[in-house]
Amino acid sequence: MMKASAPPEFLVPGGTAALAEALAERLPVEYETPAKRLLVEEGRVVGAELEDGSVRRADHVLVATSADMAGRL
């Protein structure tokens, strides 16, 4: 069986953990922050409502979960 590999433009040197670390060096990142739902305005994600009811608004939102779960947010 052949092993599938990602095209070079999708490979992250050091893996996805390195990507998260690089983002955290430049941007405010909150780890282990369960979201209840994404906030959408005019077709654009502008933040998230967290499970504790608080709201985080942001210019950029990174959803780190399975595609199935992201679709439910």
Protein backbone atom coordinates (compact mmCIF):
# COMPACT_ATOMS: atom_id res chain seq x y z
CA MET A 1 0.00 0.00 0.00
CA MET A 2 1.31 3.47 -0.91
CA LYS A 3 1.50 6.11 1.77
CA ALA A 4 -0.22 9.38 0.87
CA SER A 5 1.79 12.50 1.46
CA ALA A 6 0.77 16.14 1.56
CA PRO A 7 1.87 18.50 -1.19
CA PRO A 8 4.98 20.50 -0.13
CA GLU A 9 2.96 23.72 0.27
CA PHE A 10 0.96 22.03 3.06
CA LEU A 11 3.90 20.65 5.02
CA VAL A 12 4.84 22.53 8.19
CA PRO A 13 8.50 22.20 9.20
CA GLY A 14 8.47 20.85 12.75
CA GLY A 15 4.82 19.78 12.47
CA THR A 16 1.64 21.46 13.59
CA ALA A 17 3.00 22.01 17.10
CA ALA A 18 5.69 24.25 15.58
CA LEU A 19 2.97 26.21 13.79
CA ALA A 20 1.09 26.77 17.06
CA GLU A 21 4.28 27.84 18.82
CA ALA A 22 5.16 30.29 16.03
CA LEU A 23 1.67 31.81 16.15
CA ALA A 24 1.83 32.12 19.95
CA GLU A 25 5.09 34.08 19.66
CA ARG A 26 3.36 36.72 17.52
CA LEU A 27 -0.32 36.62 18.52
CA PRO A 28 -2.39 36.19 21.66
CA VAL A 29 -3.25 32.48 21.70
CA GLU A 30 -5.47 30.73 24.22
CA TYR A 31 -4.91 26.99 24.54
CA GLU A 32 -7.45 24.55 26.02
CA THR A 33 -10.29 27.06 25.54
CA PRO A 34 -13.41 25.08 24.62
CA ALA A 35 -15.77 27.01 22.35
CA LYS A 36 -19.54 26.70 22.47
CA ARG A 37 -20.05 28.42 19.10
CA LEU A 38 -18.31 30.61 16.58
CA LEU A 39 -19.53 34.18 16.17
CA VAL A 40 -20.29 34.95 12.53
CA GLU A 41 -21.08 38.40 11.15
CA GLU A 42 -21.67 39.05 7.47
CA GLY A 43 -20.40 35.57 6.63
CA ARG A 44 -17.11 36.01 8.53
CA VAL A 45 -16.00 34.43 11.81
CA VAL A 46 -15.30 37.30 14.22
CA GLY A 47 -14.84 35.43 17.48
CA ALA A 48 -16.13 32.67 19.69
CA GLU A 49 -18.49 32.19 22.59
CA LEU A 50 -16.74 29.96 25.09
CA GLU A 51 -18.32 27.17 27.11
CA ASP A 52 -18.21 29.40 30.22
CA GLY A 53 -20.38 31.97 28.39
CA SER A 54 -17.63 34.54 27.88
CA VAL A 55 -16.99 35.94 24.41
CA ARG A 56 -13.66 36.39 22.64
CA ARG A 57 -13.71 38.65 19.57
CA ALA A 58 -10.76 38.54 17.21
CA ASP A 59 -9.59 39.59 13.76
CA HIS A 60 -8.45 35.99 13.18
CA VAL A 61 -9.83 32.78 14.64
CA LEU A 62 -8.01 29.46 14.44
CA VAL A 63 -10.18 26.42 15.07
CA ALA A 64 -8.08 23.47 16.15
CA THR A 65 -10.48 20.55 16.08
CA SER A 66 -11.82 17.96 13.70
CA ALA A 67 -13.75 19.18 10.65
CA ASP A 68 -16.87 17.46 11.98
CA MET A 69 -16.70 19.31 15.29
CA ALA A 70 -15.83 22.64 13.61
CA GLY A 71 -18.96 22.28 11.50
CA ARG A 72 -21.06 21.94 14.65
CA LEU A 73 -19.66 25.16 16.11
